[in-house]
Protein backbone atom coordinates (compact mmCIF):
# COMPACT_ATOMS: atom_id res chain seq x y z
CA MET A 1 5.23 15.85 27.94
CA GLY A 2 6.71 12.72 26.35
CA HIS A 3 4.72 13.34 23.17
CA ARG A 4 6.09 16.86 22.87
CA ARG A 5 9.69 15.83 23.51
CA ARG A 6 9.37 13.11 20.92
CA ARG A 7 7.92 15.46 18.30
CA CYS A 8 11.09 17.55 18.00
CA MET A 9 13.35 14.52 17.51
CA ARG A 10 10.90 12.75 15.20
CA GLN A 11 10.55 15.77 12.93
CA VAL A 12 14.21 15.54 11.87
CA LEU A 13 13.70 11.93 10.80
CA ARG A 14 10.38 12.54 9.08
CA LEU A 15 11.65 15.43 7.00
CA ALA A 16 14.77 13.54 6.01
CA ARG A 17 12.59 10.66 4.88
CA TYR A 18 10.41 13.02 2.83
CA LEU A 19 13.48 14.52 1.16
CA TYR A 20 14.86 11.08 0.39
CA ARG A 21 11.56 10.04 -1.17
CA TRP A 22 11.32 13.30 -3.13
CA LEU A 23 14.69 12.83 -4.75
CA SER A 24 14.31 9.11 -5.35
CA GLY A 25 10.96 9.68 -7.06
CA THR A 26 8.87 7.60 -4.66
CA LEU A 27 6.52 10.48 -3.86
CA ILE A 28 5.22 10.07 -7.41
CA GLU A 29 5.97 6.43 -8.19
CA ASP A 30 5.02 3.35 -6.20
CA SER A 31 8.52 1.91 -6.31
CA ILE A 32 12.06 2.90 -7.15
CA ALA A 33 13.43 2.62 -10.67
CA GLU A 34 14.23 -0.75 -12.13
CA ASP A 35 17.78 -1.84 -12.87
CA GLY A 36 17.33 -1.15 -16.59
CA GLU A 37 16.48 2.48 -15.93
CA LEU A 38 19.41 2.86 -13.59
CA SER A 39 21.76 1.82 -16.36
CA THR A 40 20.95 5.10 -18.11
CA VAL A 41 22.67 7.07 -15.35
CA CYS A 42 26.00 7.85 -16.98
CA TYR A 43 27.37 10.58 -14.70
CA ARG A 44 28.73 9.86 -11.25
CA PRO A 45 29.70 12.37 -8.58
CA GLU A 46 33.36 12.49 -7.78
CA GLY A 47 34.34 10.21 -4.94
CA VAL A 48 31.49 7.71 -5.31
CA GLU A 49 33.70 4.95 -3.94
CA GLN A 50 34.48 7.14 -0.97
CA LEU A 51 30.78 7.82 -0.43
CA LEU A 52 30.11 4.08 -0.44
CA GLN A 53 32.57 3.80 2.45
CA GLN A 54 31.39 6.91 4.30
CA THR A 55 27.63 6.32 4.04
CA LYS A 56 25.25 3.43 4.54
CA PHE A 57 23.70 3.74 1.10
CA THR A 58 24.30 1.17 -1.61
CA ARG A 59 25.69 2.08 -5.01
CA ARG A 60 22.22 1.72 -6.51
CA GLU A 61 20.73 4.05 -3.89
CA LEU A 62 23.46 6.62 -4.50
CA GLN A 63 22.73 6.46 -8.22
CA ILE A 64 19.01 7.04 -7.66
CA LEU A 65 19.61 9.84 -5.20
CA TYR A 66 22.10 11.52 -7.49
CA ARG A 67 19.74 11.38 -10.45
CA GLY A 68 17.02 13.03 -8.36
CA PHE A 69 19.49 15.53 -6.97
CA LYS A 70 20.60 16.56 -10.46
CA ASN A 71 17.00 16.77 -11.67
CA GLU A 72 16.12 19.17 -8.88
CA CYS A 73 19.48 20.99 -8.90
CA PRO A 74 21.10 20.81 -12.36
CA ASN A 75 24.10 22.86 -11.21
CA GLY A 76 25.00 20.14 -8.72
CA VAL A 77 24.37 22.02 -5.49
CA VAL A 78 21.32 23.06 -3.48
CA ASP A 79 21.00 26.66 -2.40
CA GLU A 80 18.85 27.67 0.54
CA GLY A 81 16.03 28.95 -1.64
CA THR A 82 15.67 25.60 -3.40
CA PHE A 83 15.88 23.76 -0.08
CA LYS A 84 13.04 25.87 1.33
CA TYR A 85 10.96 25.32 -1.80
CA ILE A 86 11.27 21.55 -1.52
CA TYR A 87 10.16 21.48 2.09
CA ALA A 88 7.31 23.87 1.43
CA GLN A 89 5.78 21.18 -0.81
CA PHE A 90 5.37 18.87 2.17
CA PHE A 91 3.82 21.43 4.53
CA PRO A 92 1.55 23.71 2.48
CA GLN A 93 -0.66 24.29 5.52
CA GLY A 94 2.15 26.01 7.44
CA ASP A 95 5.31 28.04 7.04
CA SER A 96 8.32 25.73 6.82
CA SER A 97 10.85 28.41 5.81
CA THR A 98 12.47 28.93 9.22
CA TYR A 99 12.81 25.24 10.00
CA ALA A 100 14.16 24.60 6.50
CA HIS A 101 16.74 27.35 7.14
CA PHE A 102 17.92 25.61 10.31
CA LEU A 103 18.04 22.25 8.57
CA PHE A 104 19.90 23.70 5.60
CA GLU A 105 22.57 25.09 7.91
CA ALA A 106 22.98 21.68 9.54
CA PHE A 107 23.52 20.05 6.13
CA ASP A 108 25.88 22.86 5.03
CA SER A 109 28.75 21.59 7.17
CA ARG A 110 31.33 23.67 5.26
CA LYS A 111 29.31 26.89 5.68
CA SER A 112 29.56 27.59 1.97
CA GLY A 113 25.93 28.62 1.53
CA MET A 114 25.42 25.57 -0.67
CA VAL A 115 24.74 21.89 -0.03
CA SER A 116 26.56 19.54 -2.38
CA PHE A 117 25.50 16.00 -3.16
CA GLU A 118 28.25 14.75 -0.87
CA ASP A 119 26.98 16.97 1.96
CA PHE A 120 23.46 15.76 1.35
CA VAL A 121 24.03 12.00 1.31
CA THR A 122 26.46 12.12 4.24
CA GLY A 123 23.86 13.87 6.39
CA MET A 124 21.00 11.68 5.16
CA SER A 125 22.96 8.53 5.90
CA ILE A 126 23.43 9.61 9.51
CA ILE A 127 19.83 10.70 10.01
CA LEU A 128 18.21 7.67 8.41
CA ARG A 129 20.69 4.85 8.99
CA GLY A 130 23.17 6.01 11.57
CA SER A 131 23.50 4.63 15.07
CA VAL A 132 21.44 6.21 17.83
CA THR A 133 24.49 8.16 18.99
CA GLU A 134 25.19 9.41 15.47
CA LYS A 135 21.59 10.54 15.03
CA LEU A 136 21.60 12.31 18.38
CA ASN A 137 24.88 14.07 17.61
CA TRP A 138 23.40 15.28 14.32
CA ALA A 139 20.25 16.48 16.08
CA PHE A 140 22.32 18.32 18.69
CA ASN A 141 24.20 20.10 15.91
CA LEU A 142 20.86 21.12 14.37
CA TYR A 143 19.57 22.55 17.67
CA ASP A 144 22.87 24.30 18.44
CA LEU A 145 22.11 27.15 16.07
CA ASN A 146 25.29 29.16 16.58
CA LYS A 147 27.48 26.02 16.72
CA ASP A 148 29.19 26.96 20.00
CA GLY A 149 28.74 23.53 21.58
CA PHE A 150 25.74 24.43 23.74
CA ILE A 151 21.97 24.54 23.31
CA THR A 152 20.42 27.59 24.94
CA LYS A 153 16.78 28.24 25.78
CA GLU A 154 16.69 30.88 23.06
CA GLU A 155 17.93 28.41 20.45
CA MET A 156 15.50 25.71 21.49
CA THR A 157 12.64 28.23 21.51
CA ASP A 158 13.50 29.22 17.93
CA ILE A 159 13.53 25.56 16.89
CA MET A 160 10.21 24.79 18.54
CA ARG A 161 8.50 27.84 17.06
CA SER A 162 9.74 26.89 13.62
CA ILE A 163 8.33 23.37 13.99
CA TYR A 164 4.93 24.62 15.12
CA ASP A 165 4.92 27.19 12.30
CA MET A 166 5.71 24.43 9.82
CA MET A 167 2.98 22.11 11.06
CA GLY A 168 0.45 24.94 10.97
CA THR A 169 -3.15 23.91 11.41
CA CYS A 170 -2.18 20.24 11.43
CA THR A 171 -0.47 20.47 14.82
CA TYR A 172 -2.14 18.11 17.28
CA PRO A 173 -3.00 18.78 19.95
CA CYS A 174 -3.73 22.32 18.75
CA MET A 175 -0.90 24.63 19.69
CA GLN A 176 -1.49 27.04 22.52
CA LYS A 177 0.28 30.40 22.45
CA ASP A 178 2.74 29.36 25.16
CA ALA A 179 3.34 25.83 23.80
CA PRO A 180 6.90 26.44 22.50
CA LYS A 181 7.93 28.04 25.80
CA GLU A 182 6.41 25.17 27.79
CA HIS A 183 8.20 22.63 25.60
CA VAL A 184 11.53 24.39 26.10
CA GLU A 185 11.08 24.52 29.87
CA ASN A 186 10.36 20.78 29.91
CA PHE A 187 13.37 20.16 27.69
CA PHE A 188 15.72 22.04 29.99
CA GLN A 189 14.25 20.58 33.15
CA LYS A 190 15.14 17.15 31.83
CA MET A 191 18.39 17.89 29.98
CA ASP A 192 20.16 20.65 31.94
CA LYS A 193 21.62 18.47 34.67
CA ASN A 194 23.68 21.16 36.42
CA ASN A 195 21.09 23.93 35.96
CA ASP A 196 23.55 26.31 34.30
CA GLY A 197 21.08 27.40 31.62
CA VAL A 198 22.65 25.51 28.71
CA VAL A 199 22.66 21.90 27.50
CA THR A 200 25.95 20.31 26.51
CA ILE A 201 26.35 17.40 24.12
CA GLU A 202 27.14 15.14 27.08
CA GLU A 203 23.94 16.16 28.88
CA PHE A 204 21.96 15.80 25.67
CA LEU A 205 23.21 12.30 24.89
CA GLU A 206 22.80 11.05 28.44
CA SER A 207 19.25 12.36 28.79
CA CYS A 208 18.09 11.20 25.36
CA GLN A 209 19.49 7.71 25.80
CA LYS A 210 17.55 7.34 29.05
CA ASP A 211 14.29 8.54 27.52
CA GLU A 212 12.15 5.72 26.10
CA ASN A 213 10.06 8.09 23.96
CA ILE A 214 13.11 9.60 22.29
CA MET A 215 14.69 6.21 21.72
CA GLN A 216 11.49 5.07 20.01
CA SER A 217 11.68 8.14 17.78
CA MET A 218 15.25 7.29 16.80
CA HIS A 219 14.04 3.98 15.37
CA LEU A 220 10.75 5.26 13.98
CA PHE A 221 11.80 5.18 10.32
CA ASP A 222 14.33 2.35 10.41
CA ASN A 223 14.08 0.09 7.36
CA VAL A 224 11.36 2.12 5.67
CA ILE A 225 13.36 3.30 2.65
């Protein structure tokens, strides 16, 4: 059961790491660009000084990320179709479209139907370098699909099905037909303290912070980028 609980939390971190590496070019290159190459970046997003204060990325990292962002999205924003295409590259053995949709909506904090560079790096900073509480708050927002402040069994079932669909034949142990439902029942048994059928942010934070497996997942990709 611990392995299954950990998988859902770990997937957010893993996919964020993949997206970071995609845009910084490290999926193709062995290392990030040298300082000389960075000097060729002549355009800066508005508010770069503000982003330095709001995120935990350095100026150099923001430059690299922005260059990759502009290469993939020359118009300066990511639409949902592009977002799904990027994630499909990492999971060709499965169908990542539904999970990518949920993740896109979590990044699209302004509900504009587009993710700007500012939206992207703010979310990535939390997922990859935020405190445990910040990461858990972001994850809760992802799982709370209708953004009403509660996670329902229906929402968690949709999330789990999308993860299993994305992993496809690489899911281990091999997914049984009732695996998402079983995962959700375990999730609610642990998280829903007052048995009212929904999980609040307070219940979510308290339960996650007491779970050693989840806490290990929160630190799984620390200092790897």
